[in-house]
Protein backbone atom coordinates (compact mmCIF):
# COMPACT_ATOMS: atom_id res chain seq x y z
CA UNK A 1 18.34 45.92 -32.09
CA UNK A 2 16.53 45.61 -28.78
CA UNK A 3 14.05 43.19 -30.36
CA UNK A 4 16.88 41.18 -31.90
CA UNK A 5 18.68 41.05 -28.57
CA UNK A 6 15.55 39.80 -26.81
CA UNK A 7 15.09 37.15 -29.49
CA UNK A 8 18.66 35.92 -29.13
CA UNK A 9 18.28 35.89 -25.34
CA UNK A 10 15.07 33.86 -25.59
CA UNK A 11 16.73 31.42 -28.01
CA UNK A 12 19.65 30.82 -25.66
CA UNK A 13 17.25 30.44 -22.74
CA UNK A 14 15.24 27.80 -24.61
CA UNK A 15 18.46 26.04 -25.65
CA UNK A 16 19.66 25.99 -22.06
CA UNK A 17 16.37 24.47 -20.88
CA UNK A 18 16.46 21.87 -23.64
CA UNK A 19 20.05 20.96 -22.78
CA UNK A 20 19.07 20.53 -19.13
CA UNK A 21 16.11 18.37 -20.14
CA UNK A 22 18.28 16.18 -22.38
CA UNK A 23 20.75 15.75 -19.53
CA UNK A 24 17.89 14.63 -17.27
CA UNK A 25 16.69 12.16 -19.91
CA UNK A 26 20.22 10.80 -20.14
CA UNK A 27 20.39 10.31 -16.39
CA UNK A 28 17.03 8.51 -16.38
CA UNK A 29 18.20 6.23 -19.20
CA UNK A 30 21.43 5.46 -17.34
CA UNK A 31 19.47 4.74 -14.15
CA UNK A 32 17.13 2.41 -16.06
CA UNK A 33 20.01 0.54 -17.68
CA UNK A 34 22.16 0.27 -14.55
CA UNK A 35 19.46 -0.54 -11.99
CA UNK A 36 19.06 -4.27 -11.27
CA UNK A 37 15.78 -5.67 -12.55
CA UNK A 38 13.43 -7.67 -10.37
CA UNK A 39 13.65 -11.36 -11.24
CA UNK A 40 10.69 -12.55 -13.28
CA UNK A 41 9.40 -15.97 -12.25
CA UNK A 42 7.13 -17.89 -14.60
CA UNK A 43 5.70 -20.31 -12.01
CA UNK A 44 1.91 -20.38 -12.30
CA UNK A 45 -0.43 -20.22 -9.33
CA UNK A 46 -4.11 -21.05 -9.08
CA UNK A 47 -6.49 -18.52 -10.62
CA UNK A 48 -8.10 -17.94 -7.22
CA UNK A 49 -4.81 -17.71 -5.26
CA UNK A 50 -4.74 -16.70 -2.49
CA UNK A 51 -8.09 -18.25 -1.67
CA UNK A 52 -7.68 -18.11 2.13
CA UNK A 53 -5.01 -15.56 3.06
CA UNK A 54 -2.83 -17.47 5.54
CA UNK A 55 0.54 -15.71 5.85
CA UNK A 56 3.78 -17.16 7.22
CA UNK A 57 7.21 -15.61 7.77
CA UNK A 58 10.06 -18.07 8.33
CA UNK A 59 13.39 -16.65 9.55
CA UNK A 60 12.96 -13.50 7.48
CA UNK A 61 15.55 -10.73 7.56
CA UNK A 62 15.40 -7.77 5.21
CA UNK A 63 17.24 -4.66 4.06
CA UNK A 64 16.39 -1.91 1.61
CA UNK A 65 19.80 -2.12 -0.06
CA UNK A 66 20.45 -5.74 -1.11
CA UNK A 67 24.16 -4.94 -1.43
CA UNK A 68 24.39 -3.07 1.87
CA UNK A 69 26.14 -4.26 5.02
CA UNK A 70 24.50 -5.33 8.28
CA UNK A 71 23.87 -1.70 9.22
CA UNK A 72 21.22 -1.52 6.48
CA UNK A 73 19.15 -4.43 7.83
CA UNK A 74 15.62 -3.30 8.72
CA UNK A 75 14.11 -6.62 9.86
CA UNK A 76 15.78 -9.33 11.92
CA UNK A 77 14.79 -13.01 11.90
CA UNK A 78 11.03 -12.52 11.78
CA UNK A 79 8.90 -15.62 12.40
CA UNK A 80 5.14 -15.13 12.21
CA UNK A 81 2.02 -17.08 11.35
CA UNK A 82 -1.14 -15.15 10.61
CA UNK A 83 -4.18 -17.35 10.11
CA UNK A 84 -6.59 -16.67 7.26
CA UNK A 85 -9.15 -13.97 7.91
CA UNK A 86 -7.43 -12.56 10.98
CA UNK A 87 -7.03 -8.84 11.64
CA UNK A 88 -3.52 -7.79 12.63
CA UNK A 89 -2.36 -4.43 13.96
CA UNK A 90 1.26 -3.33 13.56
CA UNK A 91 2.68 -0.74 15.95
CA UNK A 92 6.08 0.77 16.63
CA UNK A 93 8.08 3.96 16.40
CA UNK A 94 9.14 5.58 13.14
CA UNK A 95 11.89 3.50 11.54
CA UNK A 96 11.10 0.40 13.60
CA UNK A 97 10.32 -1.74 10.53
CA UNK A 98 6.51 -1.50 10.35
CA UNK A 99 6.29 -0.49 6.70
CA UNK A 100 9.15 -2.81 5.70
CA UNK A 101 7.18 -5.76 7.11
CA UNK A 102 4.25 -4.88 4.85
CA UNK A 103 6.45 -4.17 1.83
CA UNK A 104 7.82 -7.70 2.04
CA UNK A 105 4.39 -9.06 1.15
CA UNK A 106 4.57 -7.15 -2.14
CA UNK A 107 8.23 -8.15 -2.71
CA UNK A 108 9.34 -4.54 -2.59
CA UNK A 109 12.17 -5.18 -0.13
CA UNK A 110 15.05 -7.64 -0.50
CA UNK A 111 15.00 -10.39 2.10
CA UNK A 112 16.35 -13.75 3.18
CA UNK A 113 14.21 -16.51 4.61
CA UNK A 114 10.79 -17.53 3.33
CA UNK A 115 7.40 -15.83 3.13
CA UNK A 116 4.34 -17.81 2.07
CA UNK A 117 0.69 -17.02 1.45
CA UNK A 118 -1.56 -20.08 1.49
CA UNK A 119 1.57 -22.22 1.37
CA UNK A 120 2.95 -20.62 -1.81
CA UNK A 121 6.46 -19.18 -1.51
CA UNK A 122 6.30 -15.59 -2.73
CA UNK A 123 9.64 -16.05 -4.48
CA UNK A 124 7.85 -18.40 -6.88
CA UNK A 125 5.18 -15.84 -7.78
CA UNK A 126 5.59 -13.25 -10.52
CA UNK A 127 5.91 -9.79 -8.97
CA UNK A 128 3.20 -8.17 -11.07
CA UNK A 129 0.78 -11.01 -10.42
CA UNK A 130 1.46 -10.93 -6.69
CA UNK A 131 0.78 -7.20 -6.45
CA UNK A 132 -2.43 -7.57 -8.43
CA UNK A 133 -3.72 -10.23 -6.01
CA UNK A 134 -3.13 -8.11 -2.88
CA UNK A 135 -5.12 -4.99 -1.99
CA UNK A 136 -2.88 -2.23 -0.64
CA UNK A 137 -4.03 1.16 0.64
CA UNK A 138 -1.06 3.49 1.29
CA UNK A 139 -0.70 6.32 3.76
CA UNK A 140 0.05 8.85 1.03
CA UNK A 141 -2.95 9.08 -1.27
CA UNK A 142 -2.17 9.31 -4.97
CA UNK A 143 -4.09 11.53 -7.37
CA UNK A 144 -3.99 10.18 -10.93
CA UNK A 145 -4.53 12.72 -13.74
CA UNK A 146 -8.06 12.21 -15.06
CA UNK A 147 -11.58 11.99 -13.74
CA UNK A 148 -12.71 10.95 -10.28
CA UNK A 149 -14.04 7.76 -11.87
CA UNK A 150 -10.62 6.91 -13.31
CA UNK A 151 -8.97 7.66 -9.95
CA UNK A 152 -11.24 5.22 -8.18
CA UNK A 153 -10.83 2.51 -10.81
CA UNK A 154 -7.72 2.93 -12.99
CA UNK A 155 -7.45 -0.83 -13.44
CA UNK A 156 -7.80 -2.80 -16.66
CA UNK A 157 -11.22 -4.11 -15.61
CA UNK A 158 -12.65 -0.59 -15.03
CA UNK A 159 -15.25 -1.03 -17.80
CA UNK A 160 -16.88 -3.73 -15.65
CA UNK A 161 -17.25 -1.51 -12.59
CA UNK A 162 -20.65 0.16 -12.28
CA UNK A 163 -20.86 3.81 -11.29
CA UNK A 164 -23.47 2.82 -8.72
CA UNK A 165 -20.89 0.74 -6.85
CA UNK A 166 -18.46 3.64 -6.57
CA UNK A 167 -21.22 6.05 -5.56
CA UNK A 168 -22.47 3.62 -2.92
CA UNK A 169 -19.04 3.36 -1.27
CA UNK A 170 -18.46 7.11 -1.39
CA UNK A 171 -21.92 7.70 0.09
CA UNK A 172 -21.31 5.32 2.98
CA UNK A 173 -18.09 7.16 3.78
CA UNK A 174 -19.91 10.48 3.77
CA UNK A 175 -18.09 12.19 0.90
CA UNK A 176 -20.43 11.70 -2.08
CA UNK A 177 -22.60 14.77 -1.44
CA UNK A 178 -19.53 17.01 -1.65
CA UNK A 179 -18.31 15.28 -4.81
CA UNK A 180 -21.69 15.16 -6.57
CA UNK A 181 -22.09 18.93 -6.21
CA UNK A 182 -18.81 19.41 -8.08
CA UNK A 183 -19.33 17.14 -11.06
CA UNK A 184 -19.38 13.70 -9.47
CA UNK A 185 -17.52 10.86 -11.14
CA UNK A 186 -17.01 12.87 -14.34
CA UNK A 187 -15.19 15.70 -12.56
CA UNK A 188 -11.46 16.13 -13.15
CA UNK A 189 -9.68 15.15 -9.95
CA UNK A 190 -7.52 18.29 -9.89
CA UNK A 191 -10.57 20.53 -10.22
CA UNK A 192 -12.19 19.03 -7.13
CA UNK A 193 -9.48 20.54 -4.91
CA UNK A 194 -9.81 17.76 -2.37
CA UNK A 195 -8.46 18.10 1.15
CA UNK A 196 -5.87 15.53 2.32
CA UNK A 197 -8.62 13.65 4.16
CA UNK A 198 -10.91 13.62 1.13
CA UNK A 199 -8.06 12.40 -1.09
CA UNK A 200 -7.49 9.60 1.38
CA UNK A 201 -11.16 8.56 1.21
CA UNK A 202 -10.92 8.39 -2.59
CA UNK A 203 -7.81 6.21 -2.19
CA UNK A 204 -9.66 3.96 0.27
CA UNK A 205 -12.56 3.66 -2.18
CA UNK A 206 -10.05 2.61 -4.85
CA UNK A 207 -8.81 -0.15 -2.53
CA UNK A 208 -12.33 -1.39 -1.81
CA UNK A 209 -13.20 -1.48 -5.52
CA UNK A 210 -9.97 -3.40 -6.22
CA UNK A 211 -10.88 -5.94 -3.53
CA UNK A 212 -14.43 -6.40 -4.81
CA UNK A 213 -13.27 -6.93 -8.39
CA UNK A 214 -10.28 -9.20 -7.69
CA UNK A 215 -11.73 -10.92 -4.59
CA UNK A 216 -8.39 -10.38 -2.89
CA UNK A 217 -7.91 -12.10 0.46
CA UNK A 218 -4.95 -10.09 1.77
CA UNK A 219 -5.33 -6.38 2.56
CA UNK A 220 -2.49 -4.07 3.61
CA UNK A 221 -3.27 -0.66 5.12
CA UNK A 222 -0.56 1.82 6.13
CA UNK A 223 -1.89 4.55 8.46
CA UNK A 224 -4.78 5.26 6.14
CA UNK A 225 -6.66 7.37 8.69
CA UNK A 226 -3.81 9.76 9.49
CA UNK A 227 -5.55 12.59 7.59
CA UNK A 228 -9.06 11.90 8.94
CA UNK A 229 -10.75 13.43 11.97
CA UNK A 230 -12.08 11.12 14.66
CA UNK A 231 -15.71 10.97 13.50
CA UNK A 232 -14.80 10.48 9.84
CA UNK A 233 -12.30 7.80 10.80
CA UNK A 234 -14.99 6.00 12.78
CA UNK A 235 -17.30 5.99 9.74
CA UNK A 236 -14.53 4.81 7.42
CA UNK A 237 -13.54 2.01 9.81
CA UNK A 238 -17.13 0.73 9.79
CA UNK A 239 -17.06 0.57 5.99
CA UNK A 240 -13.69 -1.21 6.00
CA UNK A 241 -14.87 -3.72 8.59
CA UNK A 242 -17.87 -4.61 6.44
CA UNK A 243 -16.04 -4.80 3.11
CA UNK A 244 -12.95 -6.67 4.34
CA UNK A 245 -14.63 -8.94 6.88
CA UNK A 246 -13.46 -12.13 5.12
CA UNK A 247 -9.92 -10.89 4.45
CA UNK A 248 -6.62 -11.18 6.27
CA UNK A 249 -5.84 -7.58 7.18
CA UNK A 250 -2.55 -6.01 8.25
CA UNK A 251 -2.98 -2.48 9.55
CA UNK A 252 -0.45 0.13 10.62
CA UNK A 253 -2.35 2.75 12.61
CA UNK A 254 -1.53 5.94 14.50
CA UNK A 255 -4.79 5.77 16.49
CA UNK A 256 -5.07 2.99 19.07
CA UNK A 257 -8.86 3.00 18.57
CA UNK A 258 -8.32 1.71 15.04
CA UNK A 259 -6.73 -1.45 16.45
CA UNK A 260 -9.24 -2.19 19.21
CA UNK A 261 -10.79 -5.16 17.38
CA UNK A 262 -7.66 -6.83 15.99
CA UNK A 263 -6.84 -10.48 16.66
CA UNK A 264 -3.10 -9.92 16.98
CA UNK A 265 -0.73 -7.04 17.65
CA UNK A 266 2.76 -6.99 16.19
CA UNK A 267 5.09 -4.54 17.90
CA UNK A 268 8.14 -3.56 15.88
CA UNK A 269 11.29 -2.28 17.59
CA UNK A 270 14.58 -1.90 15.70
CA UNK A 271 13.52 -4.51 13.16
CA UNK A 272 12.46 -7.07 15.75
CA UNK A 273 8.86 -8.31 15.75
CA UNK A 274 7.13 -9.14 19.03
CA UNK A 275 3.54 -10.36 19.13
CA UNK A 276 0.74 -10.28 21.65
CA UNK A 277 -2.99 -10.86 21.95
CA UNK A 278 -4.79 -7.47 22.17
CA UNK A 279 -6.31 -8.22 25.57
CA UNK A 280 -2.80 -8.45 26.99
CA UNK A 281 -0.05 -5.86 27.21
CA UNK A 282 2.23 -5.91 24.20
CA UNK A 283 5.45 -7.57 25.28
CA UNK A 284 8.74 -5.95 24.36
CA UNK A 285 12.18 -7.49 24.13
CA UNK A 286 13.33 -10.52 22.19
CA UNK A 287 10.93 -11.88 19.57
CA UNK A 288 9.34 -15.27 20.01
CA UNK A 289 10.48 -18.02 17.68
CA UNK A 290 6.99 -18.13 16.20
CA UNK A 291 3.63 -16.49 16.72
CA UNK A 292 0.15 -17.35 15.54
CA UNK A 293 -3.05 -15.35 15.18
CA UNK A 294 -5.80 -17.91 15.69
CA UNK A 295 -8.87 -18.52 17.79
């Protein structure tokens, strides 16, 4: 009887879990069906676009909720011109609009106005294509189930990427010795038990490999050194400077040292963008009608 009772109890427990799981699946399906889809645009762009990396914002305002009222606006009337190959630092307090400004370049935030890269309006570029042509390195590193090799290059062209390239980048950043002792590129990522800083270096390596394979000209980096100590950050910055020297780079950084060599500073405050040349004090207040990063 006791055995029978335990069996019945286990059956009801399994049924309860299955019912909960089915409810979750139903909610996901409803969310998928009810959520507005991103518009798909079929306009073709050149195979090497963007070939230069010149970025322009014209009267751009943005909000996370496209149906929200004015209280949801995160960027107000942004006008910027960033010349090709320039290095731009973005600073500001939490919630000031720094990340939203970057997300606009990947069409991940709804906006009004016009954003162009090399003269091409981003609204005329397919979302998936746009995101494939830009190299983005996020603040929160992502571990993908699989090997270290797959984590560094999960892209469709991974068969073309030589192990020697990945090892070279990891060596220059000072992490390869640790990884090689634990299975190297064939090691399962979870088994490596990487620290937050080490995970970030793997994520940075992924971004560099993406750039080298796609020849991307626009690079977005969101506080990528937040988990690195000063000396490691210095080493990583040297690698980034060498690999992205011909790219237009937008960098959000929590260390002022990271931005010491930028060509332009953009200060965000309550969704308003104000620009300055690094040798001068960043000006606060009303944004200029336009700003240019050039020689």
